[in-house]
Amino acid sequence: MEKKAVEHRISLVGIIVEAPDAVEKVNRILHEYADFVIGRMGIPYRQEKLSIISVVLDAPSEIVGALSGKLGMIENVSVKSLQSKVLK
């Protein structure tokens, strides 16, 4: 029987970090998924004491869901993900 290749999608994960002590936890989790990361952009919003992070991934849906779930469990962190409709 032939093994089916895992289908990837291009995804965008948006993260808002509302407490400085949560940034290290977020970075630790993002590092775990580094093999899937295409690019990352962080914007410090100092006036509001927020960090806004955008991460673009090339990964299976399950990986994006696992990453978003882990990040969403961190206190003072909000996460949303968006996936392309095109499978690779």
N, C-alpha and C. Protein backbone atom coordinates (compact mmCIF):
# COMPACT_ATOMS: atom_id res chain seq x y z
N MET A 1 0.84 -1.17 0.00
CA MET A 1 0.00 0.00 0.00
C MET A 1 0.89 1.24 0.00
N GLU A 2 0.52 2.21 -0.82
CA GLU A 2 1.30 3.45 -0.93
C GLU A 2 0.93 4.41 0.20
N LYS A 3 1.96 4.99 0.81
CA LYS A 3 1.74 5.95 1.90
C LYS A 3 1.41 7.32 1.31
N LYS A 4 0.34 7.92 1.80
CA LYS A 4 -0.08 9.24 1.32
C LYS A 4 0.79 10.33 1.92
N ALA A 5 1.24 11.26 1.08
CA ALA A 5 2.05 12.39 1.55
C ALA A 5 1.17 13.33 2.39
N VAL A 6 1.77 13.92 3.39
CA VAL A 6 1.05 14.87 4.24
C VAL A 6 0.89 16.18 3.48
N GLU A 7 -0.32 16.70 3.47
CA GLU A 7 -0.60 17.92 2.73
C GLU A 7 -0.32 19.14 3.62
N HIS A 8 0.36 20.09 3.04
CA HIS A 8 0.71 21.32 3.75
C HIS A 8 -0.14 22.47 3.23
N ARG A 9 -0.27 23.48 4.06
CA ARG A 9 -0.91 24.74 3.69
C ARG A 9 -0.02 25.88 4.16
N ILE A 10 -0.14 27.00 3.50
CA ILE A 10 0.50 28.21 4.00
C ILE A 10 -0.46 28.82 5.02
N SER A 11 0.06 29.12 6.18
CA SER A 11 -0.77 29.62 7.27
C SER A 11 -0.16 30.87 7.89
N LEU A 12 -1.02 31.67 8.46
CA LEU A 12 -0.60 32.86 9.20
C LEU A 12 -1.14 32.74 10.62
N VAL A 13 -0.26 32.88 11.59
CA VAL A 13 -0.66 32.85 12.99
C VAL A 13 -0.39 34.24 13.57
N GLY A 14 -1.45 34.87 14.07
CA GLY A 14 -1.34 36.18 14.70
C GLY A 14 -1.37 36.02 16.21
N ILE A 15 -0.42 36.66 16.87
CA ILE A 15 -0.28 36.51 18.32
C ILE A 15 -0.20 37.90 18.95
N ILE A 16 -0.99 38.11 19.99
CA ILE A 16 -0.89 39.34 20.78
C ILE A 16 -0.51 38.94 22.20
N VAL A 17 0.61 39.49 22.66
CA VAL A 17 1.11 39.18 23.99
C VAL A 17 0.88 40.42 24.85
N GLU A 18 0.10 40.27 25.92
CA GLU A 18 -0.32 41.40 26.74
C GLU A 18 0.47 41.54 28.03
N ALA A 19 1.48 40.68 28.25
CA ALA A 19 2.30 40.77 29.46
C ALA A 19 3.73 40.38 29.11
N PRO A 20 4.70 41.18 29.51
CA PRO A 20 6.10 40.91 29.16
C PRO A 20 6.59 39.53 29.60
N ASP A 21 6.08 39.02 30.72
CA ASP A 21 6.56 37.73 31.20
C ASP A 21 6.09 36.56 30.32
N ALA A 22 5.12 36.78 29.45
CA ALA A 22 4.64 35.72 28.56
C ALA A 22 5.47 35.60 27.29
N VAL A 23 6.26 36.61 26.97
CA VAL A 23 7.03 36.61 25.72
C VAL A 23 8.00 35.44 25.66
N GLU A 24 8.68 35.15 26.74
CA GLU A 24 9.64 34.04 26.75
C GLU A 24 8.94 32.71 26.47
N LYS A 25 7.77 32.50 27.05
CA LYS A 25 7.02 31.27 26.82
C LYS A 25 6.60 31.15 25.35
N VAL A 26 6.16 32.25 24.78
CA VAL A 26 5.77 32.27 23.36
C VAL A 26 6.97 31.92 22.49
N ASN A 27 8.10 32.56 22.74
CA ASN A 27 9.30 32.29 21.94
C ASN A 27 9.76 30.84 22.05
N ARG A 28 9.64 30.28 23.24
CA ARG A 28 10.04 28.88 23.44
C ARG A 28 9.18 27.94 22.58
N ILE A 29 7.89 28.19 22.55
CA ILE A 29 6.99 27.35 21.74
C ILE A 29 7.24 27.57 20.26
N LEU A 30 7.42 28.81 19.84
CA LEU A 30 7.70 29.08 18.42
C LEU A 30 8.98 28.38 17.98
N HIS A 31 9.96 28.32 18.85
CA HIS A 31 11.22 27.64 18.52
C HIS A 31 10.99 26.15 18.27
N GLU A 32 10.06 25.54 18.99
CA GLU A 32 9.74 24.12 18.79
C GLU A 32 9.24 23.85 17.37
N TYR A 33 8.62 24.84 16.75
CA TYR A 33 8.03 24.70 15.42
C TYR A 33 8.86 25.39 14.33
N ALA A 34 10.10 25.68 14.62
CA ALA A 34 10.97 26.45 13.72
C ALA A 34 11.11 25.81 12.33
N ASP A 35 11.03 24.50 12.24
CA ASP A 35 11.17 23.83 10.94
C ASP A 35 10.04 24.19 9.97
N PHE A 36 8.92 24.66 10.48
CA PHE A 36 7.77 24.99 9.65
C PHE A 36 7.65 26.49 9.37
N VAL A 37 8.45 27.29 10.05
CA VAL A 37 8.33 28.76 9.95
C VAL A 37 9.00 29.27 8.67
N ILE A 38 8.23 30.01 7.89
CA ILE A 38 8.76 30.68 6.70
C ILE A 38 9.31 32.05 7.10
N GLY A 39 8.57 32.74 7.94
CA GLY A 39 8.98 34.08 8.37
C GLY A 39 8.22 34.51 9.59
N ARG A 40 8.78 35.51 10.25
CA ARG A 40 8.20 36.00 11.49
C ARG A 40 8.45 37.50 11.59
N MET A 41 7.45 38.22 12.10
CA MET A 41 7.60 39.66 12.30
C MET A 41 7.03 40.00 13.67
N GLY A 42 7.81 40.69 14.46
CA GLY A 42 7.36 41.13 15.78
C GLY A 42 7.31 42.64 15.84
N ILE A 43 6.23 43.15 16.42
CA ILE A 43 6.06 44.60 16.54
C ILE A 43 5.80 44.92 18.01
N PRO A 44 6.74 45.62 18.65
CA PRO A 44 6.46 46.06 20.02
C PRO A 44 5.59 47.32 20.00
N TYR A 45 4.51 47.30 20.71
CA TYR A 45 3.62 48.45 20.82
C TYR A 45 3.79 48.98 22.24
N ARG A 46 4.84 49.74 22.42
CA ARG A 46 5.26 50.16 23.75
C ARG A 46 4.22 50.98 24.50
N GLN A 47 3.51 51.85 23.79
CA GLN A 47 2.51 52.70 24.45
C GLN A 47 1.44 51.86 25.15
N GLU A 48 1.11 50.72 24.57
CA GLU A 48 0.07 49.85 25.13
C GLU A 48 0.65 48.65 25.87
N LYS A 49 1.98 48.57 25.92
CA LYS A 49 2.67 47.44 26.58
C LYS A 49 2.24 46.09 26.00
N LEU A 50 2.19 46.04 24.66
CA LEU A 50 1.82 44.83 23.93
C LEU A 50 2.95 44.42 22.99
N SER A 51 3.00 43.14 22.68
CA SER A 51 3.85 42.63 21.60
C SER A 51 2.92 41.96 20.60
N ILE A 52 3.08 42.30 19.34
CA ILE A 52 2.27 41.73 18.27
C ILE A 52 3.20 40.95 17.37
N ILE A 53 2.89 39.67 17.18
CA ILE A 53 3.77 38.79 16.41
C ILE A 53 2.96 38.13 15.30
N SER A 54 3.49 38.16 14.08
CA SER A 54 2.91 37.44 12.95
C SER A 54 3.89 36.36 12.54
N VAL A 55 3.40 35.14 12.37
CA VAL A 55 4.25 34.02 11.97
C VAL A 55 3.61 33.36 10.75
N VAL A 56 4.39 33.19 9.69
CA VAL A 56 3.93 32.50 8.48
C VAL A 56 4.55 31.11 8.47
N LEU A 57 3.69 30.11 8.27
CA LEU A 57 4.13 28.71 8.31
C LEU A 57 3.80 27.99 7.01
N ASP A 58 4.59 26.98 6.71
CA ASP A 58 4.28 26.00 5.67
C ASP A 58 4.21 24.68 6.41
N ALA A 59 2.98 24.25 6.74
CA ALA A 59 2.82 23.12 7.65
C ALA A 59 1.47 22.44 7.44
N PRO A 60 1.37 21.19 7.88
CA PRO A 60 0.07 20.52 7.88
C PRO A 60 -0.88 21.22 8.86
N SER A 61 -2.17 21.10 8.61
CA SER A 61 -3.17 21.73 9.47
C SER A 61 -3.03 21.31 10.92
N GLU A 62 -2.66 20.05 11.16
CA GLU A 62 -2.53 19.56 12.53
C GLU A 62 -1.42 20.29 13.28
N ILE A 63 -0.35 20.62 12.59
CA ILE A 63 0.77 21.34 13.21
C ILE A 63 0.34 22.76 13.57
N VAL A 64 -0.35 23.42 12.66
CA VAL A 64 -0.82 24.78 12.93
C VAL A 64 -1.78 24.79 14.11
N GLY A 65 -2.65 23.80 14.16
CA GLY A 65 -3.59 23.69 15.27
C GLY A 65 -2.90 23.44 16.60
N ALA A 66 -1.88 22.57 16.58
CA ALA A 66 -1.13 22.29 17.81
C ALA A 66 -0.39 23.52 18.29
N LEU A 67 0.25 24.23 17.37
CA LEU A 67 0.98 25.45 17.73
C LEU A 67 0.02 26.49 18.31
N SER A 68 -1.09 26.73 17.62
CA SER A 68 -2.07 27.71 18.09
C SER A 68 -2.64 27.33 19.45
N GLY A 69 -2.89 26.04 19.64
CA GLY A 69 -3.42 25.57 20.92
C GLY A 69 -2.46 25.79 22.06
N LYS A 70 -1.19 25.47 21.85
CA LYS A 70 -0.18 25.67 22.90
C LYS A 70 -0.03 27.14 23.24
N LEU A 71 0.00 27.98 22.21
CA LEU A 71 0.14 29.42 22.45
C LEU A 71 -1.08 29.97 23.17
N GLY A 72 -2.26 29.50 22.79
CA GLY A 72 -3.50 29.98 23.38
C GLY A 72 -3.66 29.61 24.85
N MET A 73 -2.91 28.62 25.31
CA MET A 73 -2.98 28.21 26.71
C MET A 73 -2.14 29.10 27.63
N ILE A 74 -1.30 29.95 27.03
CA ILE A 74 -0.46 30.84 27.83
C ILE A 74 -1.31 32.03 28.29
N GLU A 75 -1.23 32.32 29.59
CA GLU A 75 -1.97 33.45 30.15
C GLU A 75 -1.49 34.75 29.51
N ASN A 76 -2.42 35.64 29.21
CA ASN A 76 -2.15 36.96 28.61
C ASN A 76 -1.70 36.88 27.15
N VAL A 77 -2.05 35.77 26.47
CA VAL A 77 -1.71 35.62 25.05
C VAL A 77 -2.99 35.30 24.28
N SER A 78 -3.21 36.04 23.19
CA SER A 78 -4.33 35.79 22.28
C SER A 78 -3.78 35.32 20.95
N VAL A 79 -4.43 34.32 20.34
CA VAL A 79 -3.92 33.73 19.10
C VAL A 79 -5.07 33.48 18.13
N LYS A 80 -4.81 33.75 16.86
CA LYS A 80 -5.74 33.39 15.79
C LYS A 80 -4.90 32.88 14.62
N SER A 81 -5.43 31.88 13.91
CA SER A 81 -4.71 31.38 12.76
C SER A 81 -5.60 31.42 11.53
N LEU A 82 -4.95 31.53 10.40
CA LEU A 82 -5.62 31.61 9.11
C LEU A 82 -4.85 30.71 8.16
N GLN A 83 -5.56 29.86 7.42
CA GLN A 83 -4.89 28.95 6.50
C GLN A 83 -5.35 29.18 5.07
N SER A 84 -4.42 29.01 4.14
CA SER A 84 -4.77 29.13 2.72
C SER A 84 -5.68 27.97 2.34
N LYS A 85 -6.42 28.15 1.27
CA LYS A 85 -7.29 27.09 0.78
C LYS A 85 -6.53 26.10 -0.10
N VAL A 86 -5.37 26.50 -0.57
CA VAL A 86 -4.59 25.70 -1.50
C VAL A 86 -3.71 24.72 -0.74
N LEU A 87 -3.86 23.44 -1.06
CA LEU A 87 -3.00 22.41 -0.46
C LEU A 87 -1.74 22.28 -1.27
N LYS A 88 -0.64 21.98 -0.58
CA LYS A 88 0.64 21.75 -1.27
C LYS A 88 0.94 20.28 -1.26
